[in-house]
């Protein structure tokens, strides 16, 4: 059965690029345009991995990661962050929250897919 990836970004183009690459590799892809919508999705159906933008309106990536890690149903779901920022403090905070991987936009789709495959094996 295909693994389900939840892509969370307020920029549709970013979601489309990631969705295309992941779908082509056999993953089922769900989309959300902010962390609040993503949290609802993750609580209502099984998700194997979350790829989230850091800065979004309503709920950002760190808030989403904290909420996912606080819920026993989703606490073990790997989380990747996509961001334009290369701030080391943010990267460290992400690590402390439980973020598994950090990708700087624009990301290389093949590298993202490879990291997802590695995280789910």
C-alpha atoms as a PDB file:
ATOM      1  CA  UNK A   1       0.000   0.000   0.000  1.00  0.00           C
ATOM      2  CA  UNK A   2       1.276   3.471  -0.898  1.00  0.00           C
ATOM      3  CA  UNK A   3       2.588   5.677   1.893  1.00  0.00           C
ATOM      4  CA  UNK A   4       0.728   8.943   2.432  1.00  0.00           C
ATOM      5  CA  UNK A   5       2.616  12.228   2.451  1.00  0.00           C
ATOM      6  CA  UNK A   6       1.008  15.482   3.625  1.00  0.00           C
ATOM      7  CA  UNK A   7       2.428  18.590   1.950  1.00  0.00           C
ATOM      8  CA  UNK A   8       1.738  21.856   3.748  1.00  0.00           C
ATOM      9  CA  UNK A   9       2.586  25.154   2.072  1.00  0.00           C
ATOM     10  CA  UNK A  10       0.669  28.342   1.405  1.00  0.00           C
ATOM     11  CA  UNK A  11       2.261  28.521  -2.059  1.00  0.00           C
ATOM     12  CA  UNK A  12       0.405  26.232  -4.463  1.00  0.00           C
ATOM     13  CA  UNK A  13       3.366  26.054  -6.867  1.00  0.00           C
ATOM     14  CA  UNK A  14       5.572  24.550  -4.140  1.00  0.00           C
ATOM     15  CA  UNK A  15       2.857  22.008  -3.289  1.00  0.00           C
ATOM     16  CA  UNK A  16       2.472  21.131  -6.975  1.00  0.00           C
ATOM     17  CA  UNK A  17       6.214  20.547  -7.510  1.00  0.00           C
ATOM     18  CA  UNK A  18       6.478  18.336  -4.418  1.00  0.00           C
ATOM     19  CA  UNK A  19       3.214  16.528  -5.212  1.00  0.00           C
ATOM     20  CA  UNK A  20       4.319  15.757  -8.767  1.00  0.00           C
ATOM     21  CA  UNK A  21       7.701  14.358  -7.664  1.00  0.00           C
ATOM     22  CA  UNK A  22       6.222  12.294  -4.814  1.00  0.00           C
ATOM     23  CA  UNK A  23       3.240  10.991  -6.816  1.00  0.00           C
ATOM     24  CA  UNK A  24       5.585   9.960  -9.639  1.00  0.00           C
ATOM     25  CA  UNK A  25       7.483   7.909  -7.031  1.00  0.00           C
ATOM     26  CA  UNK A  26       4.350   6.070  -5.912  1.00  0.00           C
ATOM     27  CA  UNK A  27       3.317   8.079  -2.857  1.00  0.00           C
ATOM     28  CA  UNK A  28      -0.218   9.196  -2.095  1.00  0.00           C
ATOM     29  CA  UNK A  29      -0.101  12.966  -1.566  1.00  0.00           C
ATOM     30  CA  UNK A  30      -2.467  15.111   0.494  1.00  0.00           C
ATOM     31  CA  UNK A  31      -2.271  18.908   0.513  1.00  0.00           C
ATOM     32  CA  UNK A  32      -2.967  21.718   2.964  1.00  0.00           C
ATOM     33  CA  UNK A  33      -2.357  25.454   2.598  1.00  0.00           C
ATOM     34  CA  UNK A  34      -1.643  26.059   6.300  1.00  0.00           C
ATOM     35  CA  UNK A  35      -0.800  24.196   9.489  1.00  0.00           C
ATOM     36  CA  UNK A  36      -4.317  24.342  10.890  1.00  0.00           C
ATOM     37  CA  UNK A  37      -5.789  22.527   7.888  1.00  0.00           C
ATOM     38  CA  UNK A  38      -2.868  20.069   7.969  1.00  0.00           C
ATOM     39  CA  UNK A  39      -3.465  19.307  11.638  1.00  0.00           C
ATOM     40  CA  UNK A  40      -7.117  18.508  10.922  1.00  0.00           C
ATOM     41  CA  UNK A  41      -6.093  16.187   8.082  1.00  0.00           C
ATOM     42  CA  UNK A  42      -3.425  14.425  10.172  1.00  0.00           C
ATOM     43  CA  UNK A  43      -5.910  13.856  13.016  1.00  0.00           C
ATOM     44  CA  UNK A  44      -8.630  12.521  10.705  1.00  0.00           C
ATOM     45  CA  UNK A  45      -6.630  10.032   8.622  1.00  0.00           C
ATOM     46  CA  UNK A  46      -3.301   8.214   8.745  1.00  0.00           C
ATOM     47  CA  UNK A  47      -0.357  10.196   7.399  1.00  0.00           C
ATOM     48  CA  UNK A  48       3.107   8.629   7.085  1.00  0.00           C
ATOM     49  CA  UNK A  49       5.151  11.837   6.740  1.00  0.00           C
ATOM     50  CA  UNK A  50       4.541  15.598   6.807  1.00  0.00           C
ATOM     51  CA  UNK A  51       6.433  18.125   4.664  1.00  0.00           C
ATOM     52  CA  UNK A  52       5.641  21.631   5.873  1.00  0.00           C
ATOM     53  CA  UNK A  53       6.630  25.170   5.045  1.00  0.00           C
ATOM     54  CA  UNK A  54       7.954  27.093   8.021  1.00  0.00           C
ATOM     55  CA  UNK A  55       6.272  30.466   7.534  1.00  0.00           C
ATOM     56  CA  UNK A  56       2.571  30.368   6.683  1.00  0.00           C
ATOM     57  CA  UNK A  57      -0.501  32.333   7.686  1.00  0.00           C
ATOM     58  CA  UNK A  58      -2.830  30.932  10.391  1.00  0.00           C
ATOM     59  CA  UNK A  59      -0.402  28.227  11.641  1.00  0.00           C
ATOM     60  CA  UNK A  60       3.246  27.852  10.668  1.00  0.00           C
ATOM     61  CA  UNK A  61       5.463  24.800  10.456  1.00  0.00           C
ATOM     62  CA  UNK A  62       6.843  24.941  13.995  1.00  0.00           C
ATOM     63  CA  UNK A  63       3.376  25.279  15.525  1.00  0.00           C
ATOM     64  CA  UNK A  64       2.207  22.357  13.385  1.00  0.00           C
ATOM     65  CA  UNK A  65       5.222  20.240  14.373  1.00  0.00           C
ATOM     66  CA  UNK A  66       4.629  20.956  18.077  1.00  0.00           C
ATOM     67  CA  UNK A  67       0.949  20.020  17.768  1.00  0.00           C
ATOM     68  CA  UNK A  68       1.742  16.802  15.891  1.00  0.00           C
ATOM     69  CA  UNK A  69       4.412  15.793  18.415  1.00  0.00           C
ATOM     70  CA  UNK A  70       2.015  16.512  21.324  1.00  0.00           C
ATOM     71  CA  UNK A  71      -0.677  14.161  19.997  1.00  0.00           C
ATOM     72  CA  UNK A  72      -0.163  10.415  20.669  1.00  0.00           C
ATOM     73  CA  UNK A  73      -1.807   9.604  17.293  1.00  0.00           C
ATOM     74  CA  UNK A  74       0.732  11.665  15.330  1.00  0.00           C
ATOM     75  CA  UNK A  75       3.773  11.956  17.603  1.00  0.00           C
ATOM     76  CA  UNK A  76       5.825   9.456  15.587  1.00  0.00           C
ATOM     77  CA  UNK A  77       5.096  10.937  12.157  1.00  0.00           C
ATOM     78  CA  UNK A  78       8.336  12.233  10.583  1.00  0.00           C
ATOM     79  CA  UNK A  79       8.276  15.965   9.814  1.00  0.00           C
ATOM     80  CA  UNK A  80      10.299  17.777   7.155  1.00  0.00           C
ATOM     81  CA  UNK A  81      10.466  21.577   6.987  1.00  0.00           C
ATOM     82  CA  UNK A  82      10.679  23.598   3.744  1.00  0.00           C
ATOM     83  CA  UNK A  83      11.895  27.169   4.148  1.00  0.00           C
ATOM     84  CA  UNK A  84      13.525  30.077   2.355  1.00  0.00           C
ATOM     85  CA  UNK A  85      15.473  30.852   5.538  1.00  0.00           C
ATOM     86  CA  UNK A  86      18.774  29.241   6.439  1.00  0.00           C
ATOM     87  CA  UNK A  87      18.718  30.506  10.008  1.00  0.00           C
ATOM     88  CA  UNK A  88      20.736  28.184  12.288  1.00  0.00           C
ATOM     89  CA  UNK A  89      18.605  29.103  15.307  1.00  0.00           C
ATOM     90  CA  UNK A  90      15.480  27.959  13.446  1.00  0.00           C
ATOM     91  CA  UNK A  91      17.213  24.743  12.422  1.00  0.00           C
ATOM     92  CA  UNK A  92      18.198  24.090  16.033  1.00  0.00           C
ATOM     93  CA  UNK A  93      14.683  24.827  17.281  1.00  0.00           C
ATOM     94  CA  UNK A  94      13.298  22.496  14.633  1.00  0.00           C
ATOM     95  CA  UNK A  95      15.609  19.740  15.840  1.00  0.00           C
ATOM     96  CA  UNK A  96      14.471  20.273  19.434  1.00  0.00           C
ATOM     97  CA  UNK A  97      10.809  20.090  18.379  1.00  0.00           C
ATOM     98  CA  UNK A  98      11.468  16.859  16.502  1.00  0.00           C
ATOM     99  CA  UNK A  99      11.824  17.934  12.870  1.00  0.00           C
ATOM    100  CA  UNK A 100      13.665  15.209  10.972  1.00  0.00           C
ATOM    101  CA  UNK A 101      14.888  17.147   7.912  1.00  0.00           C
ATOM    102  CA  UNK A 102      15.297  20.703   6.687  1.00  0.00           C
ATOM    103  CA  UNK A 103      15.061  21.713   3.009  1.00  0.00           C
ATOM    104  CA  UNK A 104      15.810  25.185   1.674  1.00  0.00           C
ATOM    105  CA  UNK A 105      13.533  26.493  -1.101  1.00  0.00           C
ATOM    106  CA  UNK A 106      13.897  26.151  -3.963  1.00  0.00           C
ATOM    107  CA  UNK A 107      14.416  22.466  -3.215  1.00  0.00           C
ATOM    108  CA  UNK A 108      15.541  19.734  -5.601  1.00  0.00           C
ATOM    109  CA  UNK A 109      12.532  17.408  -6.018  1.00  0.00           C
ATOM    110  CA  UNK A 110      14.666  14.258  -6.451  1.00  0.00           C
ATOM    111  CA  UNK A 111      16.520  14.981  -3.196  1.00  0.00           C
ATOM    112  CA  UNK A 112      13.223  15.476  -1.378  1.00  0.00           C
ATOM    113  CA  UNK A 113      11.879  12.172  -2.704  1.00  0.00           C
ATOM    114  CA  UNK A 114      15.110  10.376  -1.736  1.00  0.00           C
ATOM    115  CA  UNK A 115      14.895  11.789   1.813  1.00  0.00           C
ATOM    116  CA  UNK A 116      11.235  10.768   2.114  1.00  0.00           C
ATOM    117  CA  UNK A 117      12.051   7.217   0.971  1.00  0.00           C
ATOM    118  CA  UNK A 118      14.927   7.019   3.447  1.00  0.00           C
ATOM    119  CA  UNK A 119      12.784   8.318   6.329  1.00  0.00           C
ATOM    120  CA  UNK A 120      10.032   5.791   5.636  1.00  0.00           C
ATOM    121  CA  UNK A 121      12.255   2.696   5.324  1.00  0.00           C
END
